[in-house]
Amino acid sequence: MQRQFVPNHYYRDLYLKLQGLNQGFKSVDKYHKEMEITMIRANVVEYRETTMAKFLNGLNQDIVSVVELQHYVELKDMVCMVRKVERQLKRKGHIRPTFNSGSS
């Protein structure tokens, strides 16, 4: 039944979306939710370190420069810290969308 209703390119498009996903002008919560939904739809199963690296790679550089100095075991802990950093940067007026090129 899935072959009949799901186009051949569906999963390829989801993988491409996931690979190019970044925060941009979105909040951390929206970015995280979009990443989770895309991973669920694409049936992605990977090591938690890989998921955390993918999440960190798509964040704005202002946030990455603070968060990458910490060590996290779970993604939920990292997301919590990223939210705190985002709030702090917004209060200071330093937050701006910069796209992480993948080389940290």
PDB file of N, CA and C in Angstrom:
ATOM      1  N   MET A   1       0.821  -1.194   0.000  1.00  0.00           N
ATOM      2  CA  MET A   1       0.000   0.000   0.000  1.00  0.00           C
ATOM      3  C   MET A   1       0.868   1.263   0.000  1.00  0.00           C
ATOM      4  N   GLN A   2       1.991   1.227   0.727  1.00  0.00           N
ATOM      5  CA  GLN A   2       2.866   2.383   0.778  1.00  0.00           C
ATOM      6  C   GLN A   2       3.431   2.706  -0.607  1.00  0.00           C
ATOM      7  N   ARG A   3       3.780   1.696  -1.376  1.00  0.00           N
ATOM      8  CA  ARG A   3       4.317   1.912  -2.721  1.00  0.00           C
ATOM      9  C   ARG A   3       3.309   2.609  -3.617  1.00  0.00           C
ATOM     10  N   GLN A   4       2.024   2.353  -3.379  1.00  0.00           N
ATOM     11  CA  GLN A   4       0.988   2.916  -4.225  1.00  0.00           C
ATOM     12  C   GLN A   4       0.788   4.405  -3.961  1.00  0.00           C
ATOM     13  N   PHE A   5       0.942   4.844  -2.712  1.00  0.00           N
ATOM     14  CA  PHE A   5       0.612   6.221  -2.353  1.00  0.00           C
ATOM     15  C   PHE A   5       1.810   7.114  -2.055  1.00  0.00           C
ATOM     16  N   VAL A   6       2.975   6.558  -1.807  1.00  0.00           N
ATOM     17  CA  VAL A   6       4.149   7.355  -1.489  1.00  0.00           C
ATOM     18  C   VAL A   6       5.058   7.404  -2.712  1.00  0.00           C
ATOM     19  N   PRO A   7       5.326   8.613  -3.228  1.00  0.00           N
ATOM     20  CA  PRO A   7       6.194   8.708  -4.409  1.00  0.00           C
ATOM     21  C   PRO A   7       7.619   8.237  -4.107  1.00  0.00           C
ATOM     22  N   ASN A   8       8.313   7.822  -5.130  1.00  0.00           N
ATOM     23  CA  ASN A   8       9.671   7.297  -4.987  1.00  0.00           C
ATOM     24  C   ASN A   8      10.639   8.310  -4.385  1.00  0.00           C
ATOM     25  N   HIS A   9      10.458   9.552  -4.694  1.00  0.00           N
ATOM     26  CA  HIS A   9      11.389  10.591  -4.253  1.00  0.00           C
ATOM     27  C   HIS A   9      11.098  11.123  -2.847  1.00  0.00           C
ATOM     28  N   TYR A  10      10.057  10.636  -2.192  1.00  0.00           N
ATOM     29  CA  TYR A  10       9.634  11.159  -0.894  1.00  0.00           C
ATOM     30  C   TYR A  10      10.755  11.084   0.143  1.00  0.00           C
ATOM     31  N   TYR A  11      11.340   9.920   0.339  1.00  0.00           N
ATOM     32  CA  TYR A  11      12.387   9.769   1.347  1.00  0.00           C
ATOM     33  C   TYR A  11      13.662  10.513   0.962  1.00  0.00           C
ATOM     34  N   ARG A  12      13.981  10.526  -0.320  1.00  0.00           N
ATOM     35  CA  ARG A  12      15.157  11.277  -0.768  1.00  0.00           C
ATOM     36  C   ARG A  12      14.989  12.756  -0.450  1.00  0.00           C
ATOM     37  N   ASP A  13      13.794  13.293  -0.696  1.00  0.00           N
ATOM     38  CA  ASP A  13      13.516  14.697  -0.393  1.00  0.00           C
ATOM     39  C   ASP A  13      13.611  14.975   1.110  1.00  0.00           C
ATOM     40  N   LEU A  14      13.129  14.035   1.908  1.00  0.00           N
ATOM     41  CA  LEU A  14      13.227  14.203   3.366  1.00  0.00           C
ATOM     42  C   LEU A  14      14.675  14.186   3.833  1.00  0.00           C
ATOM     43  N   TYR A  15      15.503  13.285   3.289  1.00  0.00           N
ATOM     44  CA  TYR A  15      16.916  13.234   3.652  1.00  0.00           C
ATOM     45  C   TYR A  15      17.632  14.520   3.248  1.00  0.00           C
ATOM     46  N   LEU A  16      17.309  15.034   2.075  1.00  0.00           N
ATOM     47  CA  LEU A  16      17.917  16.291   1.635  1.00  0.00           C
ATOM     48  C   LEU A  16      17.499  17.447   2.536  1.00  0.00           C
ATOM     49  N   LYS A  17      16.240  17.460   2.914  1.00  0.00           N
ATOM     50  CA  LYS A  17      15.753  18.504   3.824  1.00  0.00           C
ATOM     51  C   LYS A  17      16.478  18.416   5.152  1.00  0.00           C
ATOM     52  N   LEU A  18      16.616  17.220   5.669  1.00  0.00           N
ATOM     53  CA  LEU A  18      17.291  17.011   6.944  1.00  0.00           C
ATOM     54  C   LEU A  18      18.752  17.418   6.868  1.00  0.00           C
ATOM     55  N   GLN A  19      19.388  17.109   5.768  1.00  0.00           N
ATOM     56  CA  GLN A  19      20.801  17.432   5.598  1.00  0.00           C
ATOM     57  C   GLN A  19      21.036  18.940   5.527  1.00  0.00           C
ATOM     58  N   GLY A  20      20.112  19.676   4.935  1.00  0.00           N
ATOM     59  CA  GLY A  20      20.279  21.114   4.784  1.00  0.00           C
ATOM     60  C   GLY A  20      19.550  21.946   5.821  1.00  0.00           C
ATOM     61  N   LEU A  21      19.000  21.313   6.832  1.00  0.00           N
ATOM     62  CA  LEU A  21      18.208  22.011   7.837  1.00  0.00           C
ATOM     63  C   LEU A  21      19.090  22.892   8.707  1.00  0.00           C
ATOM     64  N   ASN A  22      18.696  24.139   8.884  1.00  0.00           N
ATOM     65  CA  ASN A  22      19.382  25.034   9.816  1.00  0.00           C
ATOM     66  C   ASN A  22      18.386  25.977  10.474  1.00  0.00           C
ATOM     67  N   GLN A  23      18.810  26.603  11.547  1.00  0.00           N
ATOM     68  CA  GLN A  23      17.923  27.416  12.363  1.00  0.00           C
ATOM     69  C   GLN A  23      17.482  28.682  11.645  1.00  0.00           C
ATOM     70  N   GLY A  24      18.402  29.422  11.083  1.00  0.00           N
ATOM     71  CA  GLY A  24      18.054  30.654  10.388  1.00  0.00           C
ATOM     72  C   GLY A  24      17.333  31.629  11.295  1.00  0.00           C
ATOM     73  N   PHE A  25      16.142  32.076  10.897  1.00  0.00           N
ATOM     74  CA  PHE A  25      15.360  33.034  11.669  1.00  0.00           C
ATOM     75  C   PHE A  25      14.401  32.346  12.644  1.00  0.00           C
ATOM     76  N   LYS A  26      14.374  31.020  12.659  1.00  0.00           N
ATOM     77  CA  LYS A  26      13.466  30.276  13.537  1.00  0.00           C
ATOM     78  C   LYS A  26      13.987  30.267  14.969  1.00  0.00           C
ATOM     79  N   SER A  27      13.071  30.067  15.902  1.00  0.00           N
ATOM     80  CA  SER A  27      13.484  29.873  17.286  1.00  0.00           C
ATOM     81  C   SER A  27      14.093  28.475  17.407  1.00  0.00           C
ATOM     82  N   VAL A  28      14.792  28.259  18.498  1.00  0.00           N
ATOM     83  CA  VAL A  28      15.403  26.960  18.745  1.00  0.00           C
ATOM     84  C   VAL A  28      14.324  25.885  18.833  1.00  0.00           C
ATOM     85  N   ASP A  29      13.213  26.215  19.488  1.00  0.00           N
ATOM     86  CA  ASP A  29      12.128  25.239  19.621  1.00  0.00           C
ATOM     87  C   ASP A  29      11.562  24.832  18.260  1.00  0.00           C
ATOM     88  N   LYS A  30      11.340  25.810  17.383  1.00  0.00           N
ATOM     89  CA  LYS A  30      10.811  25.493  16.054  1.00  0.00           C
ATOM     90  C   LYS A  30      11.812  24.684  15.246  1.00  0.00           C
ATOM     91  N   TYR A  31      13.074  25.049  15.332  1.00  0.00           N
ATOM     92  CA  TYR A  31      14.121  24.322  14.617  1.00  0.00           C
ATOM     93  C   TYR A  31      14.204  22.876  15.118  1.00  0.00           C
ATOM     94  N   HIS A  32      14.194  22.688  16.430  1.00  0.00           N
ATOM     95  CA  HIS A  32      14.274  21.346  17.009  1.00  0.00           C
ATOM     96  C   HIS A  32      13.058  20.513  16.618  1.00  0.00           C
ATOM     97  N   LYS A  33      11.887  21.114  16.675  1.00  0.00           N
ATOM     98  CA  LYS A  33      10.665  20.392  16.315  1.00  0.00           C
ATOM     99  C   LYS A  33      10.680  19.983  14.845  1.00  0.00           C
ATOM    100  N   GLU A  34      11.117  20.890  13.977  1.00  0.00           N
ATOM    101  CA  GLU A  34      11.188  20.574  12.547  1.00  0.00           C
ATOM    102  C   GLU A  34      12.171  19.435  12.291  1.00  0.00           C
ATOM    103  N   MET A  35      13.287  19.442  12.998  1.00  0.00           N
ATOM    104  CA  MET A  35      14.272  18.378  12.835  1.00  0.00           C
ATOM    105  C   MET A  35      13.702  17.039  13.310  1.00  0.00           C
ATOM    106  N   GLU A  36      13.048  17.039  14.464  1.00  0.00           N
ATOM    107  CA  GLU A  36      12.456  15.799  14.984  1.00  0.00           C
ATOM    108  C   GLU A  36      11.399  15.239  14.046  1.00  0.00           C
ATOM    109  N   ILE A  37      10.522  16.097  13.559  1.00  0.00           N
ATOM    110  CA  ILE A  37       9.452  15.653  12.662  1.00  0.00           C
ATOM    111  C   ILE A  37      10.022  15.084  11.371  1.00  0.00           C
ATOM    112  N   THR A  38      11.015  15.748  10.819  1.00  0.00           N
ATOM    113  CA  THR A  38      11.639  15.273   9.581  1.00  0.00           C
ATOM    114  C   THR A  38      12.314  13.928   9.795  1.00  0.00           C
ATOM    115  N   MET A  39      12.986  13.761  10.934  1.00  0.00           N
ATOM    116  CA  MET A  39      13.642  12.490  11.225  1.00  0.00           C
ATOM    117  C   MET A  39      12.622  11.362  11.406  1.00  0.00           C
ATOM    118  N   ILE A  40      11.508  11.661  12.032  1.00  0.00           N
ATOM    119  CA  ILE A  40      10.463  10.648  12.219  1.00  0.00           C
ATOM    120  C   ILE A  40       9.860  10.260  10.877  1.00  0.00           C
ATOM    121  N   ARG A  41       9.554  11.243  10.057  1.00  0.00           N
ATOM    122  CA  ARG A  41       8.963  10.953   8.740  1.00  0.00           C
ATOM    123  C   ARG A  41       9.902  10.157   7.852  1.00  0.00           C
ATOM    124  N   ALA A  42      11.205  10.421   7.977  1.00  0.00           N
ATOM    125  CA  ALA A  42      12.187   9.725   7.141  1.00  0.00           C
ATOM    126  C   ALA A  42      12.643   8.403   7.761  1.00  0.00           C
ATOM    127  N   ASN A  43      12.090   8.055   8.899  1.00  0.00           N
ATOM    128  CA  ASN A  43      12.462   6.825   9.611  1.00  0.00           C
ATOM    129  C   ASN A  43      13.960   6.757   9.884  1.00  0.00           C
ATOM    130  N   VAL A  44      14.546   7.863  10.299  1.00  0.00           N
ATOM    131  CA  VAL A  44      15.980   7.923  10.581  1.00  0.00           C
ATOM    132  C   VAL A  44      16.241   7.358  11.970  1.00  0.00           C
ATOM    133  N   VAL A  45      17.113   6.368  12.026  1.00  0.00           N
ATOM    134  CA  VAL A  45      17.572   5.800  13.294  1.00  0.00           C
ATOM    135  C   VAL A  45      19.089   5.914  13.276  1.00  0.00           C
ATOM    136  N   GLU A  46      19.628   6.678  14.241  1.00  0.00           N
ATOM    137  CA  GLU A  46      21.065   6.898  14.272  1.00  0.00           C
ATOM    138  C   GLU A  46      21.536   7.024  15.713  1.00  0.00           C
ATOM    139  N   TYR A  47      22.841   7.011  15.901  1.00  0.00           N
ATOM    140  CA  TYR A  47      23.411   7.195  17.227  1.00  0.00           C
ATOM    141  C   TYR A  47      23.054   8.573  17.747  1.00  0.00           C
ATOM    142  N   ARG A  48      22.894   8.686  19.063  1.00  0.00           N
ATOM    143  CA  ARG A  48      22.502   9.979  19.644  1.00  0.00           C
ATOM    144  C   ARG A  48      23.575  11.033  19.418  1.00  0.00           C
ATOM    145  N   GLU A  49      24.848  10.625  19.375  1.00  0.00           N
ATOM    146  CA  GLU A  49      25.921  11.595  19.107  1.00  0.00           C
ATOM    147  C   GLU A  49      25.783  12.191  17.707  1.00  0.00           C
ATOM    148  N   THR A  50      25.367  11.374  16.767  1.00  0.00           N
ATOM    149  CA  THR A  50      25.163  11.846  15.393  1.00  0.00           C
ATOM    150  C   THR A  50      24.022  12.842  15.342  1.00  0.00           C
ATOM    151  N   THR A  51      22.942  12.535  16.026  1.00  0.00           N
ATOM    152  CA  THR A  51      21.797  13.446  16.062  1.00  0.00           C
ATOM    153  C   THR A  51      22.176  14.754  16.737  1.00  0.00           C
ATOM    154  N   MET A  52      22.921  14.675  17.825  1.00  0.00           N
ATOM    155  CA  MET A  52      23.341  15.888  18.530  1.00  0.00           C
ATOM    156  C   MET A  52      24.269  16.734  17.662  1.00  0.00           C
ATOM    157  N   ALA A  53      25.171  16.104  16.941  1.00  0.00           N
ATOM    158  CA  ALA A  53      26.067  16.838  16.054  1.00  0.00           C
ATOM    159  C   ALA A  53      25.285  17.504  14.925  1.00  0.00           C
ATOM    160  N   LYS A  54      24.308  16.795  14.385  1.00  0.00           N
ATOM    161  CA  LYS A  54      23.469  17.345  13.320  1.00  0.00           C
ATOM    162  C   LYS A  54      22.687  18.555  13.821  1.00  0.00           C
ATOM    163  N   PHE A  55      22.135  18.444  15.036  1.00  0.00           N
ATOM    164  CA  PHE A  55      21.383  19.538  15.640  1.00  0.00           C
ATOM    165  C   PHE A  55      22.292  20.743  15.863  1.00  0.00           C
ATOM    166  N   LEU A  56      23.457  20.515  16.433  1.00  0.00           N
ATOM    167  CA  LEU A  56      24.411  21.590  16.721  1.00  0.00           C
ATOM    168  C   LEU A  56      24.889  22.258  15.438  1.00  0.00           C
ATOM    169  N   ASN A  57      25.103  21.481  14.398  1.00  0.00           N
ATOM    170  CA  ASN A  57      25.587  22.005  13.123  1.00  0.00           C
ATOM    171  C   ASN A  57      24.592  22.964  12.464  1.00  0.00           C
ATOM    172  N   GLY A  58      23.302  22.781  12.720  1.00  0.00           N
ATOM    173  CA  GLY A  58      22.300  23.628  12.097  1.00  0.00           C
ATOM    174  C   GLY A  58      21.947  24.875  12.874  1.00  0.00           C
ATOM    175  N   LEU A  59      22.484  25.008  14.075  1.00  0.00           N
ATOM    176  CA  LEU A  59      22.184  26.182  14.902  1.00  0.00           C
ATOM    177  C   LEU A  59      22.925  27.416  14.411  1.00  0.00           C
ATOM    178  N   ASN A  60      22.424  28.574  14.815  1.00  0.00           N
ATOM    179  CA  ASN A  60      23.107  29.825  14.503  1.00  0.00           C
ATOM    180  C   ASN A  60      24.445  29.868  15.231  1.00  0.00           C
ATOM    181  N   GLN A  61      25.426  30.475  14.606  1.00  0.00           N
ATOM    182  CA  GLN A  61      26.794  30.482  15.111  1.00  0.00           C
ATOM    183  C   GLN A  61      26.915  31.124  16.488  1.00  0.00           C
ATOM    184  N   ASP A  62      26.101  32.131  16.788  1.00  0.00           N
ATOM    185  CA  ASP A  62      26.139  32.775  18.113  1.00  0.00           C
ATOM    186  C   ASP A  62      25.884  31.756  19.216  1.00  0.00           C
ATOM    187  N   ILE A  63      24.935  30.894  18.979  1.00  0.00           N
ATOM    188  CA  ILE A  63      24.559  29.892  19.969  1.00  0.00           C
ATOM    189  C   ILE A  63      25.596  28.776  20.014  1.00  0.00           C
ATOM    190  N   VAL A  64      26.056  28.352  18.860  1.00  0.00           N
ATOM    191  CA  VAL A  64      27.033  27.255  18.781  1.00  0.00           C
ATOM    192  C   VAL A  64      28.303  27.605  19.540  1.00  0.00           C
ATOM    193  N   SER A  65      28.756  28.843  19.424  1.00  0.00           N
ATOM    194  CA  SER A  65      30.010  29.227  20.066  1.00  0.00           C
ATOM    195  C   SER A  65      29.945  29.079  21.581  1.00  0.00           C
ATOM    196  N   VAL A  66      28.762  29.177  22.170  1.00  0.00           N
ATOM    197  CA  VAL A  66      28.610  28.994  23.611  1.00  0.00           C
ATOM    198  C   VAL A  66      28.377  27.526  23.956  1.00  0.00           C
ATOM    199  N   VAL A  67      27.500  26.879  23.214  1.00  0.00           N
ATOM    200  CA  VAL A  67      27.055  25.527  23.554  1.00  0.00           C
ATOM    201  C   VAL A  67      28.111  24.467  23.263  1.00  0.00           C
ATOM    202  N   GLU A  68      28.933  24.641  22.243  1.00  0.00           N
ATOM    203  CA  GLU A  68      29.893  23.607  21.889  1.00  0.00           C
ATOM    204  C   GLU A  68      31.003  23.437  22.919  1.00  0.00           C
ATOM    205  N   LEU A  69      31.108  24.361  23.847  1.00  0.00           N
ATOM    206  CA  LEU A  69      32.114  24.242  24.903  1.00  0.00           C
ATOM    207  C   LEU A  69      31.684  23.272  25.998  1.00  0.00           C
ATOM    208  N   GLN A  70      30.436  22.869  25.973  1.00  0.00           N
ATOM    209  CA  GLN A  70      29.887  21.962  26.984  1.00  0.00           C
ATOM    210  C   GLN A  70      29.840  20.534  26.444  1.00  0.00           C
ATOM    211  N   HIS A  71      29.782  19.591  27.360  1.00  0.00           N
ATOM    212  CA  HIS A  71      29.654  18.177  26.985  1.00  0.00           C
ATOM    213  C   HIS A  71      28.267  17.702  27.374  1.00  0.00           C
ATOM    214  N   TYR A  72      27.570  17.071  26.443  1.00  0.00           N
ATOM    215  CA  TYR A  72      26.225  16.578  26.697  1.00  0.00           C
ATOM    216  C   TYR A  72      26.143  15.109  26.336  1.00  0.00           C
ATOM    217  N   VAL A  73      25.369  14.381  27.130  1.00  0.00           N
ATOM    218  CA  VAL A  73      25.156  12.972  26.870  1.00  0.00           C
ATOM    219  C   VAL A  73      23.830  12.776  26.147  1.00  0.00           C
ATOM    220  N   GLU A  74      22.862  13.604  26.461  1.00  0.00           N
ATOM    221  CA  GLU A  74      21.523  13.486  25.877  1.00  0.00           C
ATOM    222  C   GLU A  74      21.155  14.735  25.096  1.00  0.00           C
ATOM    223  N   LEU A  75      20.388  14.535  24.040  1.00  0.00           N
ATOM    224  CA  LEU A  75      19.935  15.646  23.207  1.00  0.00           C
ATOM    225  C   LEU A  75      19.034  16.589  23.998  1.00  0.00           C
ATOM    226  N   LYS A  76      18.194  16.053  24.859  1.00  0.00           N
ATOM    227  CA  LYS A  76      17.275  16.914  25.615  1.00  0.00           C
ATOM    228  C   LYS A  76      18.037  17.884  26.513  1.00  0.00           C
ATOM    229  N   ASP A  77      19.177  17.466  27.067  1.00  0.00           N
ATOM    230  CA  ASP A  77      19.999  18.366  27.876  1.00  0.00           C
ATOM    231  C   ASP A  77      20.609  19.468  27.010  1.00  0.00           C
ATOM    232  N   MET A  78      21.053  19.085  25.815  1.00  0.00           N
ATOM    233  CA  MET A  78      21.621  20.063  24.900  1.00  0.00           C
ATOM    234  C   MET A  78      20.564  21.085  24.479  1.00  0.00           C
ATOM    235  N   VAL A  79      19.377  20.616  24.158  1.00  0.00           N
ATOM    236  CA  VAL A  79      18.296  21.510  23.730  1.00  0.00           C
ATOM    237  C   VAL A  79      17.948  22.476  24.847  1.00  0.00           C
ATOM    238  N   CYS A  80      17.920  21.994  26.079  1.00  0.00           N
ATOM    239  CA  CYS A  80      17.638  22.850  27.234  1.00  0.00           C
ATOM    240  C   CYS A  80      18.686  23.960  27.347  1.00  0.00           C
ATOM    241  N   MET A  81      19.951  23.618  27.200  1.00  0.00           N
ATOM    242  CA  MET A  81      21.022  24.611  27.266  1.00  0.00           C
ATOM    243  C   MET A  81      20.936  25.597  26.104  1.00  0.00           C
ATOM    244  N   VAL A  82      20.624  25.095  24.926  1.00  0.00           N
ATOM    245  CA  VAL A  82      20.503  25.958  23.752  1.00  0.00           C
ATOM    246  C   VAL A  82      19.384  26.973  23.956  1.00  0.00           C
ATOM    247  N   ARG A  83      18.268  26.542  24.545  1.00  0.00           N
ATOM    248  CA  ARG A  83      17.161  27.471  24.843  1.00  0.00           C
ATOM    249  C   ARG A  83      17.617  28.570  25.790  1.00  0.00           C
ATOM    250  N   LYS A  84      18.367  28.182  26.817  1.00  0.00           N
ATOM    251  CA  LYS A  84      18.869  29.168  27.776  1.00  0.00           C
ATOM    252  C   LYS A  84      19.800  30.176  27.101  1.00  0.00           C
ATOM    253  N   VAL A  85      20.689  29.668  26.270  1.00  0.00           N
ATOM    254  CA  VAL A  85      21.628  30.549  25.564  1.00  0.00           C
ATOM    255  C   VAL A  85      20.871  31.484  24.630  1.00  0.00           C
ATOM    256  N   GLU A  86      19.862  30.956  23.926  1.00  0.00           N
ATOM    257  CA  GLU A  86      19.065  31.793  23.026  1.00  0.00           C
ATOM    258  C   GLU A  86      18.374  32.914  23.801  1.00  0.00           C
ATOM    259  N   ARG A  87      17.766  32.583  24.937  1.00  0.00           N
ATOM    260  CA  ARG A  87      17.100  33.614  25.762  1.00  0.00           C
ATOM    261  C   ARG A  87      18.097  34.662  26.227  1.00  0.00           C
ATOM    262  N   GLN A  88      19.271  34.211  26.644  1.00  0.00           N
ATOM    263  CA  GLN A  88      20.298  35.123  27.122  1.00  0.00           C
ATOM    264  C   GLN A  88      20.769  36.064  26.007  1.00  0.00           C
ATOM    265  N   LEU A  89      20.991  35.520  24.838  1.00  0.00           N
ATOM    266  CA  LEU A  89      21.434  36.346  23.715  1.00  0.00           C
ATOM    267  C   LEU A  89      20.346  37.332  23.277  1.00  0.00           C
ATOM    268  N   LYS A  90      19.088  36.915  23.334  1.00  0.00           N
ATOM    269  CA  LYS A  90      17.994  37.825  22.991  1.00  0.00           C
ATOM    270  C   LYS A  90      17.919  38.979  23.985  1.00  0.00           C
ATOM    271  N   ARG A  91      18.113  38.679  25.277  1.00  0.00           N
ATOM    272  CA  ARG A  91      18.083  39.735  26.292  1.00  0.00           C
ATOM    273  C   ARG A  91      19.191  40.754  26.043  1.00  0.00           C
ATOM    274  N   LYS A  92      20.347  40.263  25.647  1.00  0.00           N
ATOM    275  CA  LYS A  92      21.490  41.144  25.396  1.00  0.00           C
ATOM    276  C   LYS A  92      21.416  41.805  24.025  1.00  0.00           C
ATOM    277  N   GLY A  93      20.520  41.323  23.176  1.00  0.00           N
ATOM    278  CA  GLY A  93      20.395  41.888  21.835  1.00  0.00           C
ATOM    279  C   GLY A  93      21.470  41.428  20.877  1.00  0.00           C
ATOM    280  N   HIS A  94      22.105  40.304  21.165  1.00  0.00           N
ATOM    281  CA  HIS A  94      23.217  39.813  20.337  1.00  0.00           C
ATOM    282  C   HIS A  94      22.828  38.733  19.357  1.00  0.00           C
ATOM    283  N   ILE A  95      21.598  38.321  19.368  1.00  0.00           N
ATOM    284  CA  ILE A  95      21.236  37.181  18.514  1.00  0.00           C
ATOM    285  C   ILE A  95      20.947  37.645  17.095  1.00  0.00           C
ATOM    286  N   ARG A  96      21.501  36.931  16.148  1.00  0.00           N
ATOM    287  CA  ARG A  96      21.263  37.206  14.739  1.00  0.00           C
ATOM    288  C   ARG A  96      21.431  35.892  13.980  1.00  0.00           C
ATOM    289  N   PRO A  97      20.674  35.720  12.937  1.00  0.00           N
ATOM    290  CA  PRO A  97      20.784  34.465  12.193  1.00  0.00           C
ATOM    291  C   PRO A  97      22.062  34.423  11.380  1.00  0.00           C
ATOM    292  N   THR A  98      22.941  33.536  11.765  1.00  0.00           N
ATOM    293  CA  THR A  98      24.137  33.265  10.970  1.00  0.00           C
ATOM    294  C   THR A  98      24.135  31.797  10.696  1.00  0.00           C
ATOM    295  N   PHE A  99      24.411  31.422   9.497  1.00  0.00           N
ATOM    296  CA  PHE A  99      24.290  30.040   9.103  1.00  0.00           C
ATOM    297  C   PHE A  99      25.604  29.335   9.278  1.00  0.00           C
ATOM    298  N   ASN A 100      25.588  28.270  10.058  1.00  0.00           N
ATOM    299  CA  ASN A 100      26.772  27.487  10.351  1.00  0.00           C
ATOM    300  C   ASN A 100      27.170  26.715   9.101  1.00  0.00           C
ATOM    301  N   SER A 101      28.399  26.881   8.702  1.00  0.00           N
ATOM    302  CA  SER A 101      28.859  26.219   7.471  1.00  0.00           C
ATOM    303  C   SER A 101      29.287  24.785   7.692  1.00  0.00           C
ATOM    304  N   GLY A 102      29.261  24.341   8.946  1.00  0.00           N
ATOM    305  CA  GLY A 102      29.644  22.961   9.220  1.00  0.00           C
ATOM    306  C   GLY A 102      31.060  22.809   9.677  1.00  0.00           C
ATOM    307  N   SER A 103      31.860  23.859   9.608  1.00  0.00           N
ATOM    308  CA  SER A 103      33.243  23.773  10.069  1.00  0.00           C
ATOM    309  C   SER A 103      33.379  24.585  11.346  1.00  0.00           C
ATOM    310  N   SER A 104      33.465  23.876  12.459  1.00  0.00           N
ATOM    311  CA  SER A 104      33.574  24.559  13.761  1.00  0.00           C
ATOM    312  C   SER A 104      34.967  24.432  14.297  1.00  0.00           C
TER     313      SER A 104
END
